[in-house]
Amino acid sequence: MVIDILDKAKLAVKLAEDKKCENPIILHISKVSNLCDYFVILSAESSRRVETIAEAIKDGFEKKSIKILHYEGKDTCLWVLLDTGDVIVHVFRSDMREFYALERLWSSAEVIKL
């Protein structure tokens, strides 16, 4: 089964929300960058929660046969990145999200309503 790219981003949000993520956002960045089509950005208060959310997304993607090309940051769980090629999921500890401010960096990207 092939999953639509936006549906993949929305699936990441749903899986993260099931594990109590905070402030999820999807940015459509393909018009401003060739990195990928969508960024999913979300956060959690603790590194443990970041790890739990990232693992839930990884497991949920695997169940849907969505291949993760890169899975980085799981050693410290301050900022975990899951890259599927067309969707990049950023799971931040809240203070790291504020520090890196990807939403501000990519402010010209379209925000997808959830």
PDB file of N, CA and C in Angstrom:
ATOM      1  N   MET A   1       0.832  -1.183   0.000  1.00  0.00           N
ATOM      2  CA  MET A   1       0.000   0.000   0.000  1.00  0.00           C
ATOM      3  C   MET A   1       0.877   1.247   0.000  1.00  0.00           C
ATOM      4  N   VAL A   2       0.649   2.138  -0.932  1.00  0.00           N
ATOM      5  CA  VAL A   2       1.395   3.385  -1.018  1.00  0.00           C
ATOM      6  C   VAL A   2       0.634   4.455  -0.256  1.00  0.00           C
ATOM      7  N   ILE A   3       1.337   5.173   0.601  1.00  0.00           N
ATOM      8  CA  ILE A   3       0.708   6.212   1.401  1.00  0.00           C
ATOM      9  C   ILE A   3       1.082   7.580   0.828  1.00  0.00           C
ATOM     10  N   ASP A   4       0.108   8.472   0.733  1.00  0.00           N
ATOM     11  CA  ASP A   4       0.312   9.837   0.272  1.00  0.00           C
ATOM     12  C   ASP A   4       1.328  10.525   1.192  1.00  0.00           C
ATOM     13  N   ILE A   5       2.120  11.432   0.629  1.00  0.00           N
ATOM     14  CA  ILE A   5       3.171  12.089   1.412  1.00  0.00           C
ATOM     15  C   ILE A   5       2.591  12.898   2.570  1.00  0.00           C
ATOM     16  N   LEU A   6       1.558  13.689   2.318  1.00  0.00           N
ATOM     17  CA  LEU A   6       0.950  14.460   3.397  1.00  0.00           C
ATOM     18  C   LEU A   6       0.335  13.535   4.447  1.00  0.00           C
ATOM     19  N   ASP A   7      -0.257  12.430   4.008  1.00  0.00           N
ATOM     20  CA  ASP A   7      -0.812  11.465   4.960  1.00  0.00           C
ATOM     21  C   ASP A   7       0.284  10.863   5.839  1.00  0.00           C
ATOM     22  N   LYS A   8       1.467  10.711   5.276  1.00  0.00           N
ATOM     23  CA  LYS A   8       2.604  10.204   6.057  1.00  0.00           C
ATOM     24  C   LYS A   8       2.965  11.203   7.157  1.00  0.00           C
ATOM     25  N   ALA A   9       2.991  12.485   6.810  1.00  0.00           N
ATOM     26  CA  ALA A   9       3.277  13.518   7.804  1.00  0.00           C
ATOM     27  C   ALA A   9       2.197  13.543   8.878  1.00  0.00           C
ATOM     28  N   LYS A  10       0.944  13.428   8.456  1.00  0.00           N
ATOM     29  CA  LYS A  10      -0.166  13.423   9.415  1.00  0.00           C
ATOM     30  C   LYS A  10      -0.134  12.177  10.294  1.00  0.00           C
ATOM     31  N   LEU A  11       0.295  11.049   9.739  1.00  0.00           N
ATOM     32  CA  LEU A  11       0.434   9.830  10.530  1.00  0.00           C
ATOM     33  C   LEU A  11       1.479  10.035  11.623  1.00  0.00           C
ATOM     34  N   ALA A  12       2.579  10.682  11.289  1.00  0.00           N
ATOM     35  CA  ALA A  12       3.608  10.958  12.300  1.00  0.00           C
ATOM     36  C   ALA A  12       3.024  11.779  13.445  1.00  0.00           C
ATOM     37  N   VAL A  13       2.224  12.779  13.111  1.00  0.00           N
ATOM     38  CA  VAL A  13       1.598  13.614  14.146  1.00  0.00           C
ATOM     39  C   VAL A  13       0.655  12.769  14.996  1.00  0.00           C
ATOM     40  N   LYS A  14      -0.166  11.943  14.362  1.00  0.00           N
ATOM     41  CA  LYS A  14      -1.112  11.119  15.111  1.00  0.00           C
ATOM     42  C   LYS A  14      -0.384  10.168  16.065  1.00  0.00           C
ATOM     43  N   LEU A  15       0.662   9.534  15.570  1.00  0.00           N
ATOM     44  CA  LEU A  15       1.432   8.618  16.412  1.00  0.00           C
ATOM     45  C   LEU A  15       2.066   9.365  17.586  1.00  0.00           C
ATOM     46  N   ALA A  16       2.543  10.567  17.326  1.00  0.00           N
ATOM     47  CA  ALA A  16       3.164  11.379  18.384  1.00  0.00           C
ATOM     48  C   ALA A  16       2.128  11.862  19.393  1.00  0.00           C
ATOM     49  N   GLU A  17       0.966  12.265  18.893  1.00  0.00           N
ATOM     50  CA  GLU A  17      -0.097  12.719  19.799  1.00  0.00           C
ATOM     51  C   GLU A  17      -0.572  11.587  20.712  1.00  0.00           C
ATOM     52  N   ASP A  18      -0.552  10.361  20.195  1.00  0.00           N
ATOM     53  CA  ASP A  18      -0.925   9.213  21.023  1.00  0.00           C
ATOM     54  C   ASP A  18       0.029   9.048  22.207  1.00  0.00           C
ATOM     55  N   LYS A  19       1.235   9.595  22.080  1.00  0.00           N
ATOM     56  CA  LYS A  19       2.236   9.524  23.153  1.00  0.00           C
ATOM     57  C   LYS A  19       2.418  10.874  23.842  1.00  0.00           C
ATOM     58  N   LYS A  20       1.435  11.751  23.674  1.00  0.00           N
ATOM     59  CA  LYS A  20       1.375  13.031  24.397  1.00  0.00           C
ATOM     60  C   LYS A  20       2.453  14.033  23.976  1.00  0.00           C
ATOM     61  N   CYS A  21       2.677  14.170  22.677  1.00  0.00           N
ATOM     62  CA  CYS A  21       3.595  15.202  22.192  1.00  0.00           C
ATOM     63  C   CYS A  21       2.979  16.579  22.435  1.00  0.00           C
ATOM     64  N   GLU A  22       3.795  17.603  22.286  1.00  0.00           N
ATOM     65  CA  GLU A  22       3.338  18.976  22.467  1.00  0.00           C
ATOM     66  C   GLU A  22       3.550  19.776  21.186  1.00  0.00           C
ATOM     67  N   ASN A  23       2.611  20.642  20.900  1.00  0.00           N
ATOM     68  CA  ASN A  23       2.712  21.626  19.815  1.00  0.00           C
ATOM     69  C   ASN A  23       3.145  21.056  18.457  1.00  0.00           C
ATOM     70  N   PRO A  24       2.439  20.050  17.953  1.00  0.00           N
ATOM     71  CA  PRO A  24       2.818  19.509  16.638  1.00  0.00           C
ATOM     72  C   PRO A  24       2.495  20.507  15.526  1.00  0.00           C
ATOM     73  N   ILE A  25       3.356  20.522  14.525  1.00  0.00           N
ATOM     74  CA  ILE A  25       3.161  21.385  13.367  1.00  0.00           C
ATOM     75  C   ILE A  25       3.711  20.658  12.139  1.00  0.00           C
ATOM     76  N   ILE A  26       3.040  20.855  11.013  1.00  0.00           N
ATOM     77  CA  ILE A  26       3.533  20.336   9.736  1.00  0.00           C
ATOM     78  C   ILE A  26       3.824  21.536   8.851  1.00  0.00           C
ATOM     79  N   LEU A  27       5.037  21.587   8.306  1.00  0.00           N
ATOM     80  CA  LEU A  27       5.421  22.638   7.372  1.00  0.00           C
ATOM     81  C   LEU A  27       5.608  22.041   5.985  1.00  0.00           C
ATOM     82  N   HIS A  28       4.972  22.646   4.993  1.00  0.00           N
ATOM     83  CA  HIS A  28       5.147  22.241   3.603  1.00  0.00           C
ATOM     84  C   HIS A  28       6.318  23.051   3.059  1.00  0.00           C
ATOM     85  N   ILE A  29       7.485  22.420   2.994  1.00  0.00           N
ATOM     86  CA  ILE A  29       8.681  23.178   2.657  1.00  0.00           C
ATOM     87  C   ILE A  29       9.169  22.984   1.224  1.00  0.00           C
ATOM     88  N   SER A  30       8.489  22.174   0.440  1.00  0.00           N
ATOM     89  CA  SER A  30       8.999  21.866  -0.900  1.00  0.00           C
ATOM     90  C   SER A  30       9.087  23.086  -1.813  1.00  0.00           C
ATOM     91  N   LYS A  31       8.321  24.141  -1.518  1.00  0.00           N
ATOM     92  CA  LYS A  31       8.384  25.345  -2.346  1.00  0.00           C
ATOM     93  C   LYS A  31       9.535  26.260  -1.951  1.00  0.00           C
ATOM     94  N   VAL A  32      10.133  26.028  -0.786  1.00  0.00           N
ATOM     95  CA  VAL A  32      11.235  26.872  -0.318  1.00  0.00           C
ATOM     96  C   VAL A  32      12.550  26.115  -0.163  1.00  0.00           C
ATOM     97  N   SER A  33      12.504  24.786  -0.309  1.00  0.00           N
ATOM     98  CA  SER A  33      13.710  23.970  -0.161  1.00  0.00           C
ATOM     99  C   SER A  33      13.535  22.655  -0.902  1.00  0.00           C
ATOM    100  N   ASN A  34      14.636  22.069  -1.290  1.00  0.00           N
ATOM    101  CA  ASN A  34      14.564  20.754  -1.930  1.00  0.00           C
ATOM    102  C   ASN A  34      14.974  19.631  -0.973  1.00  0.00           C
ATOM    103  N   LEU A  35      15.015  19.919   0.331  1.00  0.00           N
ATOM    104  CA  LEU A  35      15.351  18.891   1.325  1.00  0.00           C
ATOM    105  C   LEU A  35      14.330  17.764   1.349  1.00  0.00           C
ATOM    106  N   CYS A  36      13.062  18.138   1.330  1.00  0.00           N
ATOM    107  CA  CYS A  36      11.972  17.180   1.395  1.00  0.00           C
ATOM    108  C   CYS A  36      10.674  17.932   1.108  1.00  0.00           C
ATOM    109  N   ASP A  37       9.547  17.255   1.207  1.00  0.00           N
ATOM    110  CA  ASP A  37       8.254  17.909   1.001  1.00  0.00           C
ATOM    111  C   ASP A  37       7.700  18.511   2.291  1.00  0.00           C
ATOM    112  N   TYR A  38       7.823  17.777   3.399  1.00  0.00           N
ATOM    113  CA  TYR A  38       7.229  18.228   4.652  1.00  0.00           C
ATOM    114  C   TYR A  38       8.186  18.039   5.825  1.00  0.00           C
ATOM    115  N   PHE A  39       8.148  18.993   6.744  1.00  0.00           N
ATOM    116  CA  PHE A  39       8.746  18.856   8.067  1.00  0.00           C
ATOM    117  C   PHE A  39       7.605  18.643   9.048  1.00  0.00           C
ATOM    118  N   VAL A  40       7.764  17.704   9.934  1.00  0.00           N
ATOM    119  CA  VAL A  40       6.881  17.566  11.086  1.00  0.00           C
ATOM    120  C   VAL A  40       7.738  17.959  12.285  1.00  0.00           C
ATOM    121  N   ILE A  41       7.256  18.933  13.054  1.00  0.00           N
ATOM    122  CA  ILE A  41       8.004  19.411  14.214  1.00  0.00           C
ATOM    123  C   ILE A  41       7.110  19.268  15.436  1.00  0.00           C
ATOM    124  N   LEU A  42       7.656  18.657  16.472  1.00  0.00           N
ATOM    125  CA  LEU A  42       6.903  18.493  17.706  1.00  0.00           C
ATOM    126  C   LEU A  42       7.874  18.391  18.862  1.00  0.00           C
ATOM    127  N   SER A  43       7.336  18.454  20.071  1.00  0.00           N
ATOM    128  CA  SER A  43       8.227  18.452  21.219  1.00  0.00           C
ATOM    129  C   SER A  43       7.616  17.715  22.399  1.00  0.00           C
ATOM    130  N   ALA A  44       8.472  17.556  23.419  1.00  0.00           N
ATOM    131  CA  ALA A  44       8.077  16.927  24.679  1.00  0.00           C
ATOM    132  C   ALA A  44       8.948  17.517  25.780  1.00  0.00           C
ATOM    133  N   GLU A  45       8.467  17.453  27.004  1.00  0.00           N
ATOM    134  CA  GLU A  45       9.167  18.081  28.131  1.00  0.00           C
ATOM    135  C   GLU A  45      10.441  17.353  28.563  1.00  0.00           C
ATOM    136  N   SER A  46      10.523  16.054  28.331  1.00  0.00           N
ATOM    137  CA  SER A  46      11.685  15.297  28.813  1.00  0.00           C
ATOM    138  C   SER A  46      12.308  14.477  27.693  1.00  0.00           C
ATOM    139  N   SER A  47      13.577  14.148  27.893  1.00  0.00           N
ATOM    140  CA  SER A  47      14.269  13.296  26.924  1.00  0.00           C
ATOM    141  C   SER A  47      13.620  11.917  26.848  1.00  0.00           C
ATOM    142  N   ARG A  48      13.142  11.426  27.967  1.00  0.00           N
ATOM    143  CA  ARG A  48      12.464  10.120  27.983  1.00  0.00           C
ATOM    144  C   ARG A  48      11.214  10.149  27.101  1.00  0.00           C
ATOM    145  N   ARG A  49      10.441  11.232  27.197  1.00  0.00           N
ATOM    146  CA  ARG A  49       9.229  11.363  26.382  1.00  0.00           C
ATOM    147  C   ARG A  49       9.612  11.508  24.905  1.00  0.00           C
ATOM    148  N   VAL A  50      10.682  12.247  24.612  1.00  0.00           N
ATOM    149  CA  VAL A  50      11.165  12.366  23.231  1.00  0.00           C
ATOM    150  C   VAL A  50      11.463  10.982  22.670  1.00  0.00           C
ATOM    151  N   GLU A  51      12.155  10.169  23.457  1.00  0.00           N
ATOM    152  CA  GLU A  51      12.491   8.811  23.028  1.00  0.00           C
ATOM    153  C   GLU A  51      11.227   7.986  22.785  1.00  0.00           C
ATOM    154  N   THR A  52      10.266   8.072  23.689  1.00  0.00           N
ATOM    155  CA  THR A  52       9.012   7.329  23.563  1.00  0.00           C
ATOM    156  C   THR A  52       8.268   7.729  22.293  1.00  0.00           C
ATOM    157  N   ILE A  53       8.198   9.023  22.028  1.00  0.00           N
ATOM    158  CA  ILE A  53       7.505   9.522  20.832  1.00  0.00           C
ATOM    159  C   ILE A  53       8.222   9.067  19.566  1.00  0.00           C
ATOM    160  N   ALA A  54       9.536   9.224  19.535  1.00  0.00           N
ATOM    161  CA  ALA A  54      10.307   8.833  18.347  1.00  0.00           C
ATOM    162  C   ALA A  54      10.154   7.334  18.061  1.00  0.00           C
ATOM    163  N   GLU A  55      10.201   6.526  19.109  1.00  0.00           N
ATOM    164  CA  GLU A  55      10.042   5.076  18.926  1.00  0.00           C
ATOM    165  C   GLU A  55       8.634   4.731  18.434  1.00  0.00           C
ATOM    166  N   ALA A  56       7.630   5.444  18.930  1.00  0.00           N
ATOM    167  CA  ALA A  56       6.254   5.199  18.477  1.00  0.00           C
ATOM    168  C   ALA A  56       6.108   5.540  16.993  1.00  0.00           C
ATOM    169  N   ILE A  57       6.723   6.620  16.563  1.00  0.00           N
ATOM    170  CA  ILE A  57       6.668   6.985  15.140  1.00  0.00           C
ATOM    171  C   ILE A  57       7.403   5.942  14.311  1.00  0.00           C
ATOM    172  N   LYS A  58       8.595   5.562  14.754  1.00  0.00           N
ATOM    173  CA  LYS A  58       9.373   4.540  14.038  1.00  0.00           C
ATOM    174  C   LYS A  58       8.578   3.245  13.908  1.00  0.00           C
ATOM    175  N   ASP A  59       8.011   2.777  15.003  1.00  0.00           N
ATOM    176  CA  ASP A  59       7.252   1.527  14.983  1.00  0.00           C
ATOM    177  C   ASP A  59       6.000   1.648  14.108  1.00  0.00           C
ATOM    178  N   GLY A  60       5.310   2.775  14.217  1.00  0.00           N
ATOM    179  CA  GLY A  60       4.113   2.996  13.406  1.00  0.00           C
ATOM    180  C   GLY A  60       4.424   3.054  11.925  1.00  0.00           C
ATOM    181  N   PHE A  61       5.542   3.692  11.580  1.00  0.00           N
ATOM    182  CA  PHE A  61       5.958   3.741  10.178  1.00  0.00           C
ATOM    183  C   PHE A  61       6.305   2.340   9.676  1.00  0.00           C
ATOM    184  N   GLU A  62       7.023   1.583  10.482  1.00  0.00           N
ATOM    185  CA  GLU A  62       7.395   0.226  10.076  1.00  0.00           C
ATOM    186  C   GLU A  62       6.167  -0.636   9.825  1.00  0.00           C
ATOM    187  N   LYS A  63       5.126  -0.482  10.657  1.00  0.00           N
ATOM    188  CA  LYS A  63       3.891  -1.245  10.465  1.00  0.00           C
ATOM    189  C   LYS A  63       3.200  -0.899   9.156  1.00  0.00           C
ATOM    190  N   LYS A  64       3.404   0.323   8.673  1.00  0.00           N
ATOM    191  CA  LYS A  64       2.822   0.773   7.401  1.00  0.00           C
ATOM    192  C   LYS A  64       3.813   0.620   6.243  1.00  0.00           C
ATOM    193  N   SER A  65       4.932  -0.057   6.502  1.00  0.00           N
ATOM    194  CA  SER A  65       5.995  -0.277   5.505  1.00  0.00           C
ATOM    195  C   SER A  65       6.580   1.034   4.978  1.00  0.00           C
ATOM    196  N   ILE A  66       6.642   2.036   5.846  1.00  0.00           N
ATOM    197  CA  ILE A  66       7.279   3.309   5.497  1.00  0.00           C
ATOM    198  C   ILE A  66       8.736   3.207   5.925  1.00  0.00           C
ATOM    199  N   LYS A  67       9.626   3.337   4.961  1.00  0.00           N
ATOM    200  CA  LYS A  67      11.048   3.172   5.228  1.00  0.00           C
ATOM    201  C   LYS A  67      11.634   4.454   5.817  1.00  0.00           C
ATOM    202  N   ILE A  68      12.364   4.299   6.913  1.00  0.00           N
ATOM    203  CA  ILE A  68      13.087   5.413   7.519  1.00  0.00           C
ATOM    204  C   ILE A  68      14.534   5.338   7.043  1.00  0.00           C
ATOM    205  N   LEU A  69      14.962   6.380   6.327  1.00  0.00           N
ATOM    206  CA  LEU A  69      16.308   6.408   5.764  1.00  0.00           C
ATOM    207  C   LEU A  69      17.360   6.768   6.806  1.00  0.00           C
ATOM    208  N   HIS A  70      17.021   7.676   7.699  1.00  0.00           N
ATOM    209  CA  HIS A  70      17.928   8.106   8.772  1.00  0.00           C
ATOM    210  C   HIS A  70      17.137   8.247  10.049  1.00  0.00           C
ATOM    211  N   TYR A  71      17.738   7.795  11.138  1.00  0.00           N
ATOM    212  CA  TYR A  71      17.126   7.893  12.462  1.00  0.00           C
ATOM    213  C   TYR A  71      18.250   8.337  13.383  1.00  0.00           C
ATOM    214  N   GLU A  72      18.271   9.628  13.713  1.00  0.00           N
ATOM    215  CA  GLU A  72      19.407  10.198  14.425  1.00  0.00           C
ATOM    216  C   GLU A  72      18.980  10.865  15.726  1.00  0.00           C
ATOM    217  N   GLY A  73      19.901  10.922  16.666  1.00  0.00           N
ATOM    218  CA  GLY A  73      19.684  11.635  17.909  1.00  0.00           C
ATOM    219  C   GLY A  73      19.160  10.793  19.048  1.00  0.00           C
ATOM    220  N   LYS A  74      18.963   9.512  18.810  1.00  0.00           N
ATOM    221  CA  LYS A  74      18.370   8.663  19.845  1.00  0.00           C
ATOM    222  C   LYS A  74      19.320   8.404  21.013  1.00  0.00           C
ATOM    223  N   ASP A  75      20.603   8.741  20.868  1.00  0.00           N
ATOM    224  CA  ASP A  75      21.548   8.542  21.966  1.00  0.00           C
ATOM    225  C   ASP A  75      21.346   9.556  23.090  1.00  0.00           C
ATOM    226  N   THR A  76      20.965  10.803  22.755  1.00  0.00           N
ATOM    227  CA  THR A  76      20.739  11.817  23.794  1.00  0.00           C
ATOM    228  C   THR A  76      19.269  12.195  23.941  1.00  0.00           C
ATOM    229  N   CYS A  77      18.504  12.002  22.885  1.00  0.00           N
ATOM    230  CA  CYS A  77      17.064  12.325  22.866  1.00  0.00           C
ATOM    231  C   CYS A  77      16.784  13.785  23.196  1.00  0.00           C
ATOM    232  N   LEU A  78      17.662  14.670  22.754  1.00  0.00           N
ATOM    233  CA  LEU A  78      17.408  16.103  22.833  1.00  0.00           C
ATOM    234  C   LEU A  78      16.681  16.559  21.576  1.00  0.00           C
ATOM    235  N   TRP A  79      17.074  15.966  20.441  1.00  0.00           N
ATOM    236  CA  TRP A  79      16.474  16.255  19.141  1.00  0.00           C
ATOM    237  C   TRP A  79      16.625  14.976  18.320  1.00  0.00           C
ATOM    238  N   VAL A  80      15.532  14.291  18.107  1.00  0.00           N
ATOM    239  CA  VAL A  80      15.558  13.066  17.313  1.00  0.00           C
ATOM    240  C   VAL A  80      14.979  13.374  15.946  1.00  0.00           C
ATOM    241  N   LEU A  81      15.652  12.900  14.917  1.00  0.00           N
ATOM    242  CA  LEU A  81      15.241  13.141  13.543  1.00  0.00           C
ATOM    243  C   LEU A  81      14.954  11.808  12.870  1.00  0.00           C
ATOM    244  N   LEU A  82      13.789  11.717  12.244  1.00  0.00           N
ATOM    245  CA  LEU A  82      13.423  10.544  11.456  1.00  0.00           C
ATOM    246  C   LEU A  82      13.183  11.025  10.036  1.00  0.00           C
ATOM    247  N   ASP A  83      13.976  10.533   9.099  1.00  0.00           N
ATOM    248  CA  ASP A  83      13.938  11.002   7.711  1.00  0.00           C
ATOM    249  C   ASP A  83      13.445   9.882   6.804  1.00  0.00           C
ATOM    250  N   THR A  84      12.311  10.134   6.130  1.00  0.00           N
ATOM    251  CA  THR A  84      11.790   9.155   5.178  1.00  0.00           C
ATOM    252  C   THR A  84      12.073   9.561   3.736  1.00  0.00           C
ATOM    253  N   GLY A  85      12.820  10.642   3.560  1.00  0.00           N
ATOM    254  CA  GLY A  85      13.112  11.134   2.212  1.00  0.00           C
ATOM    255  C   GLY A  85      12.206  12.288   1.840  1.00  0.00           C
ATOM    256  N   ASP A  86      10.897  12.072   1.905  1.00  0.00           N
ATOM    257  CA  ASP A  86       9.957  13.142   1.554  1.00  0.00           C
ATOM    258  C   ASP A  86       9.337  13.808   2.778  1.00  0.00           C
ATOM    259  N   VAL A  87       9.468  13.176   3.943  1.00  0.00           N
ATOM    260  CA  VAL A  87       9.001  13.746   5.208  1.00  0.00           C
ATOM    261  C   VAL A  87      10.136  13.602   6.222  1.00  0.00           C
ATOM    262  N   ILE A  88      10.454  14.705   6.894  1.00  0.00           N
ATOM    263  CA  ILE A  88      11.442  14.664   7.974  1.00  0.00           C
ATOM    264  C   ILE A  88      10.717  15.046   9.258  1.00  0.00           C
ATOM    265  N   VAL A  89      10.783  14.151  10.234  1.00  0.00           N
ATOM    266  CA  VAL A  89      10.133  14.362  11.526  1.00  0.00           C
ATOM    267  C   VAL A  89      11.194  14.785  12.536  1.00  0.00           C
ATOM    268  N   HIS A  90      10.937  15.906  13.201  1.00  0.00           N
ATOM    269  CA  HIS A  90      11.824  16.433  14.238  1.00  0.00           C
ATOM    270  C   HIS A  90      11.095  16.315  15.578  1.00  0.00           C
ATOM    271  N   VAL A  91      11.662  15.530  16.496  1.00  0.00           N
ATOM    272  CA  VAL A  91      11.090  15.389  17.827  1.00  0.00           C
ATOM    273  C   VAL A  91      12.082  16.045  18.794  1.00  0.00           C
ATOM    274  N   PHE A  92      11.692  17.183  19.332  1.00  0.00           N
ATOM    275  CA  PHE A  92      12.573  17.969  20.188  1.00  0.00           C
ATOM    276  C   PHE A  92      12.198  17.849  21.658  1.00  0.00           C
ATOM    277  N   ARG A  93      13.197  17.928  22.526  1.00  0.00           N
ATOM    278  CA  ARG A  93      12.901  18.274  23.902  1.00  0.00           C
ATOM    279  C   ARG A  93      12.553  19.761  23.856  1.00  0.00           C
ATOM    280  N   SER A  94      11.589  20.194  24.637  1.00  0.00           N
ATOM    281  CA  SER A  94      11.020  21.542  24.510  1.00  0.00           C
ATOM    282  C   SER A  94      12.066  22.653  24.500  1.00  0.00           C
ATOM    283  N   ASP A  95      13.057  22.580  25.375  1.00  0.00           N
ATOM    284  CA  ASP A  95      14.074  23.633  25.412  1.00  0.00           C
ATOM    285  C   ASP A  95      14.920  23.654  24.144  1.00  0.00           C
ATOM    286  N   MET A  96      15.163  22.491  23.556  1.00  0.00           N
ATOM    287  CA  MET A  96      15.937  22.422  22.311  1.00  0.00           C
ATOM    288  C   MET A  96      15.120  22.971  21.144  1.00  0.00           C
ATOM    289  N   ARG A  97      13.835  22.706  21.150  1.00  0.00           N
ATOM    290  CA  ARG A  97      12.967  23.247  20.098  1.00  0.00           C
ATOM    291  C   ARG A  97      12.993  24.771  20.125  1.00  0.00           C
ATOM    292  N   GLU A  98      12.896  25.311  21.314  1.00  0.00           N
ATOM    293  CA  GLU A  98      12.937  26.770  21.455  1.00  0.00           C
ATOM    294  C   GLU A  98      14.290  27.322  20.995  1.00  0.00           C
ATOM    295  N   PHE A  99      15.377  26.643  21.346  1.00  0.00           N
ATOM    296  CA  PHE A  99      16.721  27.085  20.982  1.00  0.00           C
ATOM    297  C   PHE A  99      16.931  27.075  19.470  1.00  0.00           C
ATOM    298  N   TYR A 100      16.567  25.968  18.805  1.00  0.00           N
ATOM    299  CA  TYR A 100      16.807  25.849  17.364  1.00  0.00           C
ATOM    300  C   TYR A 100      15.758  26.561  16.517  1.00  0.00           C
ATOM    301  N   ALA A 101      14.570  26.722  17.016  1.00  0.00           N
ATOM    302  CA  ALA A 101      13.507  27.521  16.394  1.00  0.00           C
ATOM    303  C   ALA A 101      13.343  27.250  14.887  1.00  0.00           C
ATOM    304  N   LEU A 102      13.138  25.996  14.538  1.00  0.00           N
ATOM    305  CA  LEU A 102      12.971  25.649  13.120  1.00  0.00           C
ATOM    306  C   LEU A 102      11.770  26.340  12.487  1.00  0.00           C
ATOM    307  N   GLU A 103      10.720  26.542  13.259  1.00  0.00           N
ATOM    308  CA  GLU A 103       9.548  27.230  12.710  1.00  0.00           C
ATOM    309  C   GLU A 103       9.919  28.637  12.242  1.00  0.00           C
ATOM    310  N   ARG A 104      10.783  29.298  12.992  1.00  0.00           N
ATOM    311  CA  ARG A 104      11.218  30.639  12.598  1.00  0.00           C
ATOM    312  C   ARG A 104      12.169  30.559  11.395  1.00  0.00           C
ATOM    313  N   LEU A 105      13.059  29.595  11.423  1.00  0.00           N
ATOM    314  CA  LEU A 105      14.009  29.419  10.321  1.00  0.00           C
ATOM    315  C   LEU A 105      13.284  29.140   9.002  1.00  0.00           C
ATOM    316  N   TRP A 106      12.208  28.366   9.058  1.00  0.00           N
ATOM    317  CA  TRP A 106      11.438  27.999   7.873  1.00  0.00           C
ATOM    318  C   TRP A 106      10.104  28.752   7.825  1.00  0.00           C
ATOM    319  N   SER A 107      10.095  29.988   8.271  1.00  0.00           N
ATOM    320  CA  SER A 107       8.852  30.763   8.377  1.00  0.00           C
ATOM    321  C   SER A 107       8.188  31.036   7.029  1.00  0.00           C
ATOM    322  N   SER A 108       8.924  30.911   5.945  1.00  0.00           N
ATOM    323  CA  SER A 108       8.312  31.117   4.623  1.00  0.00           C
ATOM    324  C   SER A 108       7.577  29.881   4.115  1.00  0.00           C
ATOM    325  N   ALA A 109       7.687  28.778   4.842  1.00  0.00           N
ATOM    326  CA  ALA A 109       6.976  27.549   4.454  1.00  0.00           C
ATOM    327  C   ALA A 109       5.519  27.628   4.859  1.00  0.00           C
ATOM    328  N   GLU A 110       4.675  26.953   4.084  1.00  0.00           N
ATOM    329  CA  GLU A 110       3.256  26.890   4.395  1.00  0.00           C
ATOM    330  C   GLU A 110       3.004  25.989   5.598  1.00  0.00           C
ATOM    331  N   VAL A 111       2.193  26.461   6.530  1.00  0.00           N
ATOM    332  CA  VAL A 111       1.796  25.652   7.685  1.00  0.00           C
ATOM    333  C   VAL A 111       0.529  24.879   7.304  1.00  0.00           C
ATOM    334  N   ILE A 112       0.577  23.571   7.489  1.00  0.00           N
ATOM    335  CA  ILE A 112      -0.563  22.708   7.186  1.00  0.00           C
ATOM    336  C   ILE A 112      -1.436  22.637   8.431  1.00  0.00           C
ATOM    337  N   LYS A 113      -2.724  22.896   8.258  1.00  0.00           N
ATOM    338  CA  LYS A 113      -3.654  22.824   9.394  1.00  0.00           C
ATOM    339  C   LYS A 113      -3.878  21.380   9.784  1.00  0.00           C
ATOM    340  N   LEU A 114      -3.867  21.152  11.085  1.00  0.00           N
ATOM    341  CA  LEU A 114      -4.086  19.795  11.604  1.00  0.00           C
ATOM    342  C   LEU A 114      -5.520  19.618  12.037  1.00  0.00           C
TER     343      LEU A 114
END
